[in-house]
Amino acid sequence: MLYIRKRRAFPRRYRQGKGRRWALALVLLLALGAAAYSEWGLKGISPELTQEAARGYVLEQVTKAVEEELAQEAGPFVTVERNGQGQVSLVSAQPERLNQLRAGVMERLGKALRGRATVYVPAGSLTGIGLLNGRGFPVPLALGLEGSAEVEFSTELLSAGVNQTCHRLVMTVRARAFSQSRRFETSVEAETGTVLAETVVVGQVPEVSVSKS
């Protein structure tokens, strides 16, 4: 009499559970490998790479502070006066609005540029291979920052065509930050310019008034 031995079949739930454990183990192995590679690469990171990463962080914080504060302190930041012929005769800044804007930007940057900050360097930049520079997953660097900022306002008069002048009110933000970390010591500066108001004048250039406070 012929007997056929049946192959033991494992429940689907068991097979799925085993596959998930393999996937989890693979992810864990890759994470450990990436962490080991990052730690190895950080030992040889150059001061220039640290400085570039820190400068990018400072510039990002300056841009963020300006955008968020402008969303709350929307213009107008200037007052335009016209003569009897309808021509612009005086363009004057509103010092109260500008002072509020300055205070808000500096307060935001005072918080963002002091204390612990995390900047990122592409993993490929740690290899020293030119083709991989700027590529790969981001490797975090922890910096202890101390920084400061200053905000200034200025006017620009630019030619806008025949018998036309463009008046601009510009806000310039300069930020400085340094890290005294033993491992990633660096010092950086960043500057941005933002046009707050723009007025096109036809005919004679008007009088301009800007508060220096």
N, C-alpha and C. Protein backbone atom coordinates (compact mmCIF):
# COMPACT_ATOMS: atom_id res chain seq x y z
N MET A 1 0.86 -1.19 0.00
CA MET A 1 0.00 0.00 0.00
C MET A 1 0.89 1.23 0.00
N LEU A 2 0.60 2.20 -0.83
CA LEU A 2 1.44 3.39 -1.00
C LEU A 2 0.96 4.50 -0.06
N TYR A 3 1.94 5.01 0.71
CA TYR A 3 1.63 6.12 1.61
C TYR A 3 2.32 7.38 1.10
N ILE A 4 1.62 8.48 1.10
CA ILE A 4 2.18 9.78 0.70
C ILE A 4 2.26 10.67 1.91
N ARG A 5 3.50 11.06 2.22
CA ARG A 5 3.69 11.91 3.41
C ARG A 5 3.46 13.37 3.02
N LYS A 6 2.57 13.99 3.67
CA LYS A 6 2.25 15.39 3.37
C LYS A 6 3.25 16.31 4.05
N ARG A 7 3.65 17.32 3.31
CA ARG A 7 4.55 18.33 3.87
C ARG A 7 3.80 19.20 4.86
N ARG A 8 4.46 19.43 5.98
CA ARG A 8 3.81 20.23 7.01
C ARG A 8 3.69 21.69 6.57
N ALA A 9 2.50 22.19 6.64
CA ALA A 9 2.27 23.58 6.24
C ALA A 9 2.14 24.46 7.47
N PHE A 10 2.93 25.52 7.49
CA PHE A 10 2.86 26.45 8.61
C PHE A 10 1.74 27.45 8.37
N PRO A 11 1.09 27.86 9.41
CA PRO A 11 0.02 28.86 9.25
C PRO A 11 0.55 30.13 8.62
N ARG A 12 -0.31 30.80 7.85
CA ARG A 12 0.09 32.04 7.20
C ARG A 12 0.54 33.07 8.21
N ARG A 13 -0.12 33.13 9.34
CA ARG A 13 0.23 34.12 10.36
C ARG A 13 1.67 33.93 10.83
N TYR A 14 2.10 32.65 10.94
CA TYR A 14 3.47 32.35 11.37
C TYR A 14 4.46 32.82 10.32
N ARG A 15 4.15 32.55 9.04
CA ARG A 15 5.05 32.95 7.97
C ARG A 15 5.16 34.47 7.88
N GLN A 16 4.03 35.16 8.05
CA GLN A 16 4.06 36.62 8.00
C GLN A 16 4.86 37.19 9.16
N GLY A 17 4.70 36.58 10.33
CA GLY A 17 5.44 37.06 11.50
C GLY A 17 6.93 36.89 11.33
N LYS A 18 7.34 35.76 10.74
CA LYS A 18 8.76 35.52 10.49
C LYS A 18 9.32 36.53 9.50
N GLY A 19 8.54 36.85 8.44
CA GLY A 19 8.99 37.84 7.47
C GLY A 19 9.14 39.22 8.07
N ARG A 20 8.25 39.57 8.96
CA ARG A 20 8.33 40.88 9.60
C ARG A 20 9.56 40.98 10.48
N ARG A 21 9.90 39.87 11.18
CA ARG A 21 11.08 39.89 12.04
C ARG A 21 12.35 40.06 11.21
N TRP A 22 12.38 39.40 10.03
CA TRP A 22 13.54 39.55 9.15
C TRP A 22 13.65 41.00 8.66
N ALA A 23 12.51 41.59 8.29
CA ALA A 23 12.51 42.98 7.81
C ALA A 23 12.96 43.93 8.91
N LEU A 24 12.48 43.68 10.15
CA LEU A 24 12.87 44.53 11.27
C LEU A 24 14.35 44.39 11.55
N ALA A 25 14.87 43.16 11.47
CA ALA A 25 16.29 42.94 11.70
C ALA A 25 17.13 43.64 10.65
N LEU A 26 16.67 43.61 9.39
CA LEU A 26 17.40 44.28 8.31
C LEU A 26 17.43 45.79 8.51
N VAL A 27 16.27 46.35 8.89
CA VAL A 27 16.21 47.80 9.13
C VAL A 27 17.13 48.19 10.28
N LEU A 28 17.13 47.39 11.34
CA LEU A 28 17.99 47.66 12.50
C LEU A 28 19.45 47.58 12.10
N LEU A 29 19.80 46.59 11.28
CA LEU A 29 21.18 46.44 10.84
C LEU A 29 21.62 47.64 10.00
N LEU A 30 20.74 48.10 9.10
CA LEU A 30 21.06 49.27 8.28
C LEU A 30 21.22 50.52 9.14
N ALA A 31 20.35 50.66 10.14
CA ALA A 31 20.44 51.83 11.02
C ALA A 31 21.74 51.82 11.81
N LEU A 32 22.13 50.65 12.31
CA LEU A 32 23.40 50.55 13.04
C LEU A 32 24.58 50.83 12.13
N GLY A 33 24.49 50.35 10.88
CA GLY A 33 25.56 50.61 9.94
C GLY A 33 25.68 52.09 9.62
N ALA A 34 24.53 52.76 9.43
CA ALA A 34 24.55 54.19 9.15
C ALA A 34 25.10 54.98 10.33
N ALA A 35 24.72 54.57 11.55
CA ALA A 35 25.21 55.26 12.73
C ALA A 35 26.72 55.09 12.88
N ALA A 36 27.21 53.85 12.63
CA ALA A 36 28.65 53.60 12.72
C ALA A 36 29.41 54.41 11.67
N TYR A 37 28.84 54.46 10.45
CA TYR A 37 29.49 55.23 9.38
C TYR A 37 29.52 56.71 9.73
N SER A 38 28.41 57.22 10.27
CA SER A 38 28.34 58.63 10.62
C SER A 38 29.36 58.97 11.71
N GLU A 39 29.47 58.10 12.71
CA GLU A 39 30.41 58.35 13.79
C GLU A 39 31.85 58.34 13.26
N TRP A 40 32.13 57.41 12.37
CA TRP A 40 33.46 57.35 11.77
C TRP A 40 33.74 58.61 10.95
N GLY A 41 32.74 59.05 10.18
CA GLY A 41 32.94 60.22 9.34
C GLY A 41 33.09 61.50 10.13
N LEU A 42 32.39 61.60 11.25
CA LEU A 42 32.44 62.82 12.06
C LEU A 42 33.83 63.06 12.63
N LYS A 43 34.60 62.00 12.83
CA LYS A 43 35.94 62.16 13.39
C LYS A 43 36.85 62.93 12.45
N GLY A 44 36.57 62.84 11.16
CA GLY A 44 37.42 63.52 10.20
C GLY A 44 36.77 64.70 9.52
N ILE A 45 35.67 65.19 10.07
CA ILE A 45 34.97 66.30 9.42
C ILE A 45 35.83 67.56 9.47
N SER A 46 35.85 68.29 8.38
CA SER A 46 36.71 69.47 8.28
C SER A 46 36.04 70.68 8.90
N PRO A 47 36.84 71.66 9.37
CA PRO A 47 36.28 72.90 9.90
C PRO A 47 35.45 73.64 8.86
N GLU A 48 35.86 73.55 7.58
CA GLU A 48 35.13 74.23 6.52
C GLU A 48 33.73 73.64 6.35
N LEU A 49 33.61 72.33 6.47
CA LEU A 49 32.32 71.68 6.34
C LEU A 49 31.41 72.04 7.51
N THR A 50 31.98 72.09 8.70
CA THR A 50 31.22 72.51 9.87
C THR A 50 30.73 73.94 9.73
N GLN A 51 31.62 74.80 9.25
CA GLN A 51 31.26 76.21 9.09
C GLN A 51 30.16 76.39 8.07
N GLU A 52 30.23 75.65 6.97
CA GLU A 52 29.21 75.77 5.93
C GLU A 52 27.85 75.30 6.45
N ALA A 53 27.85 74.21 7.21
CA ALA A 53 26.60 73.71 7.77
C ALA A 53 26.02 74.70 8.77
N ALA A 54 26.88 75.29 9.60
CA ALA A 54 26.41 76.27 10.58
C ALA A 54 25.89 77.53 9.90
N ARG A 55 26.56 77.96 8.83
CA ARG A 55 26.11 79.15 8.11
C ARG A 55 24.73 78.90 7.48
N GLY A 56 24.54 77.72 6.95
CA GLY A 56 23.24 77.38 6.39
C GLY A 56 22.14 77.42 7.44
N TYR A 57 22.46 76.96 8.63
CA TYR A 57 21.48 76.98 9.73
C TYR A 57 21.15 78.42 10.12
N VAL A 58 22.17 79.25 10.27
CA VAL A 58 21.95 80.65 10.66
C VAL A 58 21.13 81.38 9.61
N LEU A 59 21.47 81.19 8.34
CA LEU A 59 20.73 81.84 7.27
C LEU A 59 19.27 81.37 7.25
N GLU A 60 19.06 80.09 7.49
CA GLU A 60 17.70 79.56 7.55
C GLU A 60 16.90 80.20 8.68
N GLN A 61 17.53 80.39 9.84
CA GLN A 61 16.85 81.00 10.98
C GLN A 61 16.55 82.47 10.72
N VAL A 62 17.46 83.17 10.06
CA VAL A 62 17.22 84.58 9.73
C VAL A 62 16.03 84.70 8.78
N THR A 63 16.02 83.89 7.73
CA THR A 63 14.92 83.91 6.76
C THR A 63 13.60 83.58 7.43
N LYS A 64 13.61 82.59 8.29
CA LYS A 64 12.39 82.17 9.00
C LYS A 64 11.88 83.29 9.91
N ALA A 65 12.78 83.94 10.64
CA ALA A 65 12.38 85.02 11.55
C ALA A 65 11.76 86.17 10.78
N VAL A 66 12.36 86.55 9.65
CA VAL A 66 11.84 87.66 8.85
C VAL A 66 10.47 87.32 8.28
N GLU A 67 10.33 86.12 7.74
CA GLU A 67 9.05 85.73 7.14
C GLU A 67 7.94 85.66 8.17
N GLU A 68 8.22 85.09 9.33
CA GLU A 68 7.19 84.96 10.36
C GLU A 68 6.80 86.32 10.93
N GLU A 69 7.77 87.20 11.08
CA GLU A 69 7.45 88.52 11.63
C GLU A 69 6.70 89.38 10.63
N LEU A 70 7.05 89.27 9.36
CA LEU A 70 6.33 90.03 8.33
C LEU A 70 4.90 89.55 8.19
N ALA A 71 4.66 88.27 8.47
CA ALA A 71 3.29 87.75 8.41
C ALA A 71 2.42 88.39 9.48
N GLN A 72 3.04 88.81 10.59
CA GLN A 72 2.29 89.47 11.66
C GLN A 72 2.29 90.98 11.51
N GLU A 73 3.39 91.52 10.99
CA GLU A 73 3.51 92.98 10.86
C GLU A 73 3.43 93.39 9.39
N ALA A 74 2.36 93.06 8.75
CA ALA A 74 2.20 93.40 7.34
C ALA A 74 2.16 94.92 7.16
N GLY A 75 2.63 95.38 6.01
CA GLY A 75 2.70 96.81 5.73
C GLY A 75 1.34 97.50 5.76
N PRO A 76 1.28 98.78 5.37
CA PRO A 76 2.40 99.51 4.74
C PRO A 76 3.39 100.05 5.77
N PHE A 77 4.65 100.11 5.36
CA PHE A 77 5.70 100.63 6.22
C PHE A 77 6.11 102.05 5.83
N VAL A 78 5.48 102.60 4.76
CA VAL A 78 5.78 103.97 4.34
C VAL A 78 4.48 104.71 4.08
N THR A 79 4.58 106.02 4.17
CA THR A 79 3.46 106.90 3.83
C THR A 79 3.85 107.73 2.62
N VAL A 80 2.97 107.77 1.64
CA VAL A 80 3.24 108.50 0.40
C VAL A 80 2.34 109.73 0.33
N GLU A 81 2.96 110.90 0.16
CA GLU A 81 2.20 112.14 0.03
C GLU A 81 2.34 112.67 -1.40
N ARG A 82 1.24 113.28 -1.90
CA ARG A 82 1.23 113.78 -3.27
C ARG A 82 0.88 115.27 -3.29
N ASN A 83 1.36 115.95 -4.32
CA ASN A 83 1.07 117.39 -4.45
C ASN A 83 -0.25 117.59 -5.20
N GLY A 84 -0.53 118.84 -5.52
CA GLY A 84 -1.79 119.15 -6.18
C GLY A 84 -1.93 118.55 -7.56
N GLN A 85 -0.81 118.22 -8.21
CA GLN A 85 -0.85 117.62 -9.54
C GLN A 85 -0.89 116.09 -9.48
N GLY A 86 -0.95 115.54 -8.27
CA GLY A 86 -1.02 114.09 -8.11
C GLY A 86 0.33 113.40 -8.13
N GLN A 87 1.42 114.18 -8.19
CA GLN A 87 2.74 113.59 -8.20
C GLN A 87 3.22 113.34 -6.77
N VAL A 88 4.04 112.31 -6.59
CA VAL A 88 4.58 111.98 -5.28
C VAL A 88 5.57 113.06 -4.86
N SER A 89 5.32 113.66 -3.71
CA SER A 89 6.19 114.73 -3.21
C SER A 89 6.99 114.31 -1.99
N LEU A 90 6.51 113.30 -1.26
CA LEU A 90 7.20 112.87 -0.04
C LEU A 90 6.93 111.40 0.23
N VAL A 91 7.99 110.66 0.51
CA VAL A 91 7.88 109.27 0.92
C VAL A 91 8.53 109.16 2.30
N SER A 92 7.74 108.85 3.30
CA SER A 92 8.27 108.79 4.67
C SER A 92 7.97 107.44 5.29
N ALA A 93 8.97 106.91 6.00
CA ALA A 93 8.81 105.63 6.70
C ALA A 93 8.01 105.84 7.97
N GLN A 94 7.36 104.78 8.42
CA GLN A 94 6.61 104.80 9.66
C GLN A 94 7.49 104.19 10.76
N PRO A 95 8.13 105.03 11.57
CA PRO A 95 9.10 104.52 12.56
C PRO A 95 8.50 103.54 13.56
N GLU A 96 7.26 103.74 13.96
CA GLU A 96 6.66 102.84 14.94
C GLU A 96 6.53 101.43 14.38
N ARG A 97 6.08 101.33 13.15
CA ARG A 97 5.94 100.01 12.52
C ARG A 97 7.30 99.35 12.32
N LEU A 98 8.29 100.14 11.92
CA LEU A 98 9.63 99.59 11.69
C LEU A 98 10.27 99.14 12.99
N ASN A 99 10.07 99.90 14.06
CA ASN A 99 10.63 99.50 15.35
C ASN A 99 10.00 98.21 15.86
N GLN A 100 8.71 98.05 15.63
CA GLN A 100 8.04 96.81 16.02
C GLN A 100 8.59 95.62 15.23
N LEU A 101 8.81 95.86 13.94
CA LEU A 101 9.36 94.81 13.08
C LEU A 101 10.77 94.44 13.53
N ARG A 102 11.58 95.44 13.81
CA ARG A 102 12.95 95.18 14.25
C ARG A 102 12.96 94.39 15.55
N ALA A 103 12.15 94.82 16.50
CA ALA A 103 12.11 94.14 17.80
C ALA A 103 11.66 92.68 17.66
N GLY A 104 10.66 92.46 16.81
CA GLY A 104 10.16 91.10 16.63
C GLY A 104 11.19 90.18 16.00
N VAL A 105 11.89 90.67 14.97
CA VAL A 105 12.91 89.85 14.30
C VAL A 105 14.05 89.54 15.26
N MET A 106 14.50 90.52 16.01
CA MET A 106 15.61 90.31 16.93
C MET A 106 15.23 89.37 18.07
N GLU A 107 14.00 89.45 18.53
CA GLU A 107 13.56 88.54 19.58
C GLU A 107 13.55 87.09 19.08
N ARG A 108 13.06 86.87 17.89
CA ARG A 108 13.03 85.51 17.33
C ARG A 108 14.45 84.98 17.14
N LEU A 109 15.33 85.82 16.63
CA LEU A 109 16.70 85.36 16.40
C LEU A 109 17.45 85.17 17.71
N GLY A 110 17.11 85.96 18.71
CA GLY A 110 17.75 85.79 20.01
C GLY A 110 17.50 84.41 20.59
N LYS A 111 16.32 83.87 20.33
CA LYS A 111 15.98 82.53 20.81
C LYS A 111 16.58 81.45 19.91
N ALA A 112 16.56 81.68 18.60
CA ALA A 112 16.99 80.65 17.65
C ALA A 112 18.51 80.47 17.62
N LEU A 113 19.26 81.53 17.94
CA LEU A 113 20.71 81.48 17.81
C LEU A 113 21.42 81.27 19.14
N ARG A 114 20.69 80.87 20.14
CA ARG A 114 21.31 80.60 21.44
C ARG A 114 20.86 79.23 21.95
N GLY A 115 21.83 78.46 22.38
CA GLY A 115 21.51 77.13 22.89
C GLY A 115 21.91 76.04 21.91
N ARG A 116 21.37 74.88 22.13
CA ARG A 116 21.71 73.72 21.31
C ARG A 116 21.02 73.79 19.96
N ALA A 117 21.78 73.54 18.91
CA ALA A 117 21.25 73.54 17.54
C ALA A 117 21.79 72.32 16.81
N THR A 118 20.98 71.78 15.93
CA THR A 118 21.38 70.63 15.13
C THR A 118 21.47 71.05 13.67
N VAL A 119 22.67 70.88 13.10
CA VAL A 119 22.88 71.15 11.68
C VAL A 119 23.17 69.82 11.00
N TYR A 120 23.10 69.82 9.67
CA TYR A 120 23.22 68.55 8.95
C TYR A 120 24.26 68.65 7.84
N VAL A 121 24.99 67.56 7.68
CA VAL A 121 26.01 67.44 6.64
C VAL A 121 25.70 66.21 5.80
N PRO A 122 25.71 66.30 4.47
CA PRO A 122 25.47 65.11 3.64
C PRO A 122 26.53 64.04 3.89
N ALA A 123 26.10 62.81 3.98
CA ALA A 123 27.03 61.72 4.29
C ALA A 123 28.14 61.61 3.26
N GLY A 124 27.83 61.88 1.99
CA GLY A 124 28.85 61.77 0.95
C GLY A 124 29.99 62.75 1.13
N SER A 125 29.71 63.88 1.78
CA SER A 125 30.76 64.88 2.00
C SER A 125 31.79 64.42 3.01
N LEU A 126 31.48 63.39 3.79
CA LEU A 126 32.40 62.89 4.79
C LEU A 126 33.41 61.91 4.22
N THR A 127 33.19 61.48 2.98
CA THR A 127 34.07 60.47 2.39
C THR A 127 35.32 61.06 1.78
N GLY A 128 35.27 62.34 1.44
CA GLY A 128 36.39 62.96 0.75
C GLY A 128 36.42 62.68 -0.74
N ILE A 129 35.38 62.01 -1.26
CA ILE A 129 35.28 61.70 -2.68
C ILE A 129 34.45 62.78 -3.37
N GLY A 130 35.03 63.40 -4.39
CA GLY A 130 34.38 64.53 -5.04
C GLY A 130 33.02 64.20 -5.62
N LEU A 131 32.86 63.03 -6.21
CA LEU A 131 31.59 62.66 -6.84
C LEU A 131 30.47 62.51 -5.82
N LEU A 132 30.83 62.23 -4.56
CA LEU A 132 29.81 62.03 -3.53
C LEU A 132 29.57 63.28 -2.70
N ASN A 133 30.31 64.33 -2.97
CA ASN A 133 30.17 65.55 -2.18
C ASN A 133 28.77 66.14 -2.31
N GLY A 134 28.13 66.41 -1.20
CA GLY A 134 26.79 66.98 -1.20
C GLY A 134 25.69 65.97 -1.38
N ARG A 135 26.03 64.69 -1.40
CA ARG A 135 25.03 63.64 -1.61
C ARG A 135 24.92 62.75 -0.38
N GLY A 136 23.85 61.98 -0.36
CA GLY A 136 23.68 61.02 0.73
C GLY A 136 22.74 61.52 1.81
N PHE A 137 22.50 60.64 2.79
CA PHE A 137 21.59 60.99 3.88
C PHE A 137 22.22 62.04 4.79
N PRO A 138 21.39 62.85 5.47
CA PRO A 138 21.93 63.91 6.33
C PRO A 138 22.48 63.35 7.64
N VAL A 139 23.68 63.77 7.98
CA VAL A 139 24.33 63.39 9.24
C VAL A 139 24.23 64.57 10.20
N PRO A 140 23.62 64.39 11.37
CA PRO A 140 23.43 65.52 12.28
C PRO A 140 24.70 65.88 13.06
N LEU A 141 24.90 67.18 13.23
CA LEU A 141 25.97 67.70 14.08
C LEU A 141 25.33 68.55 15.16
N ALA A 142 25.67 68.31 16.41
CA ALA A 142 25.12 69.08 17.52
C ALA A 142 26.07 70.22 17.87
N LEU A 143 25.55 71.45 17.82
CA LEU A 143 26.34 72.64 18.13
C LEU A 143 25.71 73.39 19.29
N GLY A 144 26.54 73.94 20.14
CA GLY A 144 26.07 74.84 21.19
C GLY A 144 26.33 76.27 20.75
N LEU A 145 25.29 76.95 20.29
CA LEU A 145 25.46 78.26 19.67
C LEU A 145 25.27 79.42 20.64
N GLU A 146 26.03 80.47 20.39
CA GLU A 146 25.81 81.79 20.99
C GLU A 146 25.80 82.77 19.83
N GLY A 147 24.73 83.57 19.72
CA GLY A 147 24.65 84.45 18.57
C GLY A 147 24.01 85.78 18.87
N SER A 148 24.08 86.66 17.91
CA SER A 148 23.47 87.98 18.02
C SER A 148 23.04 88.43 16.63
N ALA A 149 22.20 89.46 16.59
CA ALA A 149 21.70 89.96 15.31
C ALA A 149 21.48 91.46 15.39
N GLU A 150 21.50 92.10 14.24
CA GLU A 150 21.19 93.52 14.15
C GLU A 150 20.34 93.75 12.91
N VAL A 151 19.44 94.72 13.02
CA VAL A 151 18.50 95.03 11.94
C VAL A 151 18.62 96.50 11.58
N GLU A 152 18.79 96.78 10.29
CA GLU A 152 18.91 98.15 9.82
C GLU A 152 17.94 98.39 8.67
N PHE A 153 17.52 99.66 8.52
CA PHE A 153 16.64 100.04 7.42
C PHE A 153 17.33 101.11 6.58
N SER A 154 17.15 101.02 5.28
CA SER A 154 17.77 101.98 4.37
C SER A 154 16.86 102.18 3.16
N THR A 155 17.15 103.22 2.41
CA THR A 155 16.36 103.51 1.20
C THR A 155 17.25 103.40 -0.03
N GLU A 156 16.62 103.04 -1.14
CA GLU A 156 17.30 102.98 -2.43
C GLU A 156 16.48 103.75 -3.45
N LEU A 157 17.17 104.52 -4.28
CA LEU A 157 16.53 105.23 -5.38
C LEU A 157 17.13 104.69 -6.67
N LEU A 158 16.31 104.01 -7.46
CA LEU A 158 16.78 103.36 -8.68
C LEU A 158 16.02 103.90 -9.89
N SER A 159 16.71 103.95 -11.01
CA SER A 159 16.06 104.38 -12.24
C SER A 159 15.07 103.31 -12.68
N ALA A 160 13.84 103.73 -13.04
CA ALA A 160 12.80 102.80 -13.45
C ALA A 160 12.32 103.09 -14.86
N GLY A 161 13.11 103.82 -15.62
CA GLY A 161 12.72 104.17 -16.98
C GLY A 161 12.84 105.66 -17.23
N VAL A 162 12.31 106.11 -18.34
CA VAL A 162 12.39 107.52 -18.71
C VAL A 162 11.59 108.36 -17.72
N ASN A 163 12.28 109.28 -17.03
CA ASN A 163 11.65 110.20 -16.09
C ASN A 163 10.92 109.47 -14.96
N GLN A 164 11.40 108.28 -14.61
CA GLN A 164 10.79 107.50 -13.54
C GLN A 164 11.86 107.03 -12.55
N THR A 165 11.49 107.04 -11.28
CA THR A 165 12.40 106.61 -10.22
C THR A 165 11.68 105.62 -9.31
N CYS A 166 12.39 104.59 -8.92
CA CYS A 166 11.82 103.59 -8.00
C CYS A 166 12.43 103.79 -6.62
N HIS A 167 11.57 104.04 -5.65
CA HIS A 167 12.02 104.19 -4.26
C HIS A 167 11.75 102.89 -3.51
N ARG A 168 12.77 102.38 -2.83
CA ARG A 168 12.63 101.14 -2.07
C ARG A 168 13.04 101.36 -0.62
N LEU A 169 12.28 100.75 0.27
CA LEU A 169 12.66 100.68 1.67
C LEU A 169 13.13 99.25 1.94
N VAL A 170 14.37 99.11 2.38
CA VAL A 170 15.00 97.80 2.52
C VAL A 170 15.37 97.54 3.98
N MET A 171 15.07 96.34 4.43
CA MET A 171 15.49 95.90 5.76
C MET A 171 16.64 94.91 5.61
N THR A 172 17.76 95.20 6.27
CA THR A 172 18.93 94.32 6.24
C THR A 172 19.12 93.69 7.62
N VAL A 173 19.21 92.37 7.63
CA VAL A 173 19.41 91.64 8.88
C VAL A 173 20.78 90.96 8.83
N ARG A 174 21.61 91.23 9.83
CA ARG A 174 22.91 90.58 9.94
C ARG A 174 22.94 89.75 11.22
N ALA A 175 23.35 88.52 11.09
CA ALA A 175 23.40 87.62 12.25
C ALA A 175 24.79 87.01 12.35
N ARG A 176 25.25 86.86 13.58
CA ARG A 176 26.54 86.22 13.86
C ARG A 176 26.32 85.14 14.91
N ALA A 177 27.02 84.04 14.74
CA ALA A 177 26.90 82.95 15.71
C ALA A 177 28.22 82.20 15.79
N PHE A 178 28.52 81.68 16.96
CA PHE A 178 29.72 80.87 17.12
C PHE A 178 29.43 79.70 18.04
N SER A 179 30.17 78.65 17.84
CA SER A 179 30.05 77.46 18.67
C SER A 179 31.42 77.15 19.27
N GLN A 180 31.47 77.00 20.58
CA GLN A 180 32.71 76.69 21.27
C GLN A 180 32.82 75.21 21.60
N SER A 181 32.05 74.41 20.89
CA SER A 181 32.12 72.97 21.09
C SER A 181 33.54 72.48 20.81
N ARG A 182 34.06 71.62 21.66
CA ARG A 182 35.41 71.11 21.47
C ARG A 182 35.54 70.34 20.16
N ARG A 183 34.46 69.74 19.76
CA ARG A 183 34.50 68.89 18.57
C ARG A 183 34.20 69.67 17.30
N PHE A 184 33.28 70.64 17.39
CA PHE A 184 32.87 71.39 16.19
C PHE A 184 32.89 72.88 16.49
N GLU A 185 34.06 73.42 16.70
CA GLU A 185 34.20 74.86 16.96
C GLU A 185 34.13 75.62 15.64
N THR A 186 33.30 76.67 15.61
CA THR A 186 33.15 77.43 14.38
C THR A 186 32.56 78.80 14.67
N SER A 187 32.67 79.70 13.70
CA SER A 187 32.10 81.04 13.80
C SER A 187 31.60 81.44 12.41
N VAL A 188 30.36 81.94 12.33
CA VAL A 188 29.76 82.24 11.03
C VAL A 188 29.00 83.56 11.07
N GLU A 189 28.76 84.12 9.89
CA GLU A 189 27.94 85.31 9.72
C GLU A 189 27.01 85.09 8.54
N ALA A 190 25.85 85.72 8.61
CA ALA A 190 24.88 85.63 7.51
C ALA A 190 24.14 86.96 7.41
N GLU A 191 23.74 87.31 6.20
CA GLU A 191 23.06 88.59 5.98
C GLU A 191 21.98 88.42 4.92
N THR A 192 20.84 89.06 5.14
CA THR A 192 19.76 89.04 4.16
C THR A 192 19.21 90.46 3.99
N GLY A 193 18.67 90.73 2.82
CA GLY A 193 18.02 92.00 2.54
C GLY A 193 16.59 91.76 2.06
N THR A 194 15.65 92.50 2.63
CA THR A 194 14.24 92.33 2.28
C THR A 194 13.63 93.67 1.92
N VAL A 195 12.98 93.73 0.76
CA VAL A 195 12.31 94.97 0.33
C VAL A 195 10.96 95.06 1.04
N LEU A 196 10.78 96.10 1.85
CA LEU A 196 9.54 96.28 2.60
C LEU A 196 8.52 97.11 1.85
N ALA A 197 9.00 98.02 1.02
CA ALA A 197 8.07 98.89 0.28
C ALA A 197 8.75 99.35 -1.00
N GLU A 198 7.95 99.54 -2.03
CA GLU A 198 8.47 99.96 -3.32
C GLU A 198 7.49 100.93 -3.96
N THR A 199 7.99 102.11 -4.32
CA THR A 199 7.13 103.15 -4.90
C THR A 199 7.76 103.68 -6.18
N VAL A 200 7.01 103.64 -7.26
CA VAL A 200 7.49 104.16 -8.53
C VAL A 200 7.03 105.62 -8.67
N VAL A 201 7.97 106.52 -8.88
CA VAL A 201 7.69 107.95 -8.94
C VAL A 201 7.93 108.45 -10.37
N VAL A 202 6.96 109.18 -10.91
CA VAL A 202 7.10 109.77 -12.24
C VAL A 202 7.39 111.26 -12.07
N GLY A 203 8.46 111.71 -12.71
CA GLY A 203 8.82 113.12 -12.61
C GLY A 203 9.93 113.35 -11.61
N GLN A 204 9.84 114.46 -10.88
CA GLN A 204 10.90 114.86 -9.96
C GLN A 204 11.02 113.88 -8.80
N VAL A 205 12.26 113.62 -8.40
CA VAL A 205 12.51 112.72 -7.27
C VAL A 205 11.97 113.35 -5.99
N PRO A 206 11.14 112.63 -5.24
CA PRO A 206 10.53 113.22 -4.06
C PRO A 206 11.49 113.25 -2.87
N GLU A 207 11.08 113.96 -1.83
CA GLU A 207 11.82 113.97 -0.59
C GLU A 207 11.58 112.63 0.13
N VAL A 208 12.65 112.13 0.74
CA VAL A 208 12.58 110.84 1.43
C VAL A 208 12.93 111.04 2.90
N SER A 209 12.11 110.44 3.77
CA SER A 209 12.34 110.54 5.20
C SER A 209 12.35 109.15 5.80
N VAL A 210 13.48 108.78 6.45
CA VAL A 210 13.61 107.48 7.10
C VAL A 210 14.16 107.68 8.49
N SER A 211 13.47 107.09 9.47
CA SER A 211 13.91 107.22 10.86
C SER A 211 15.15 106.36 11.08
N LYS A 212 16.11 106.87 11.83
CA LYS A 212 17.33 106.13 12.14
C LYS A 212 17.25 105.41 13.47
N SER A 213 16.14 105.52 14.16
CA SER A 213 16.02 104.91 15.49
C SER A 213 15.92 103.41 15.38
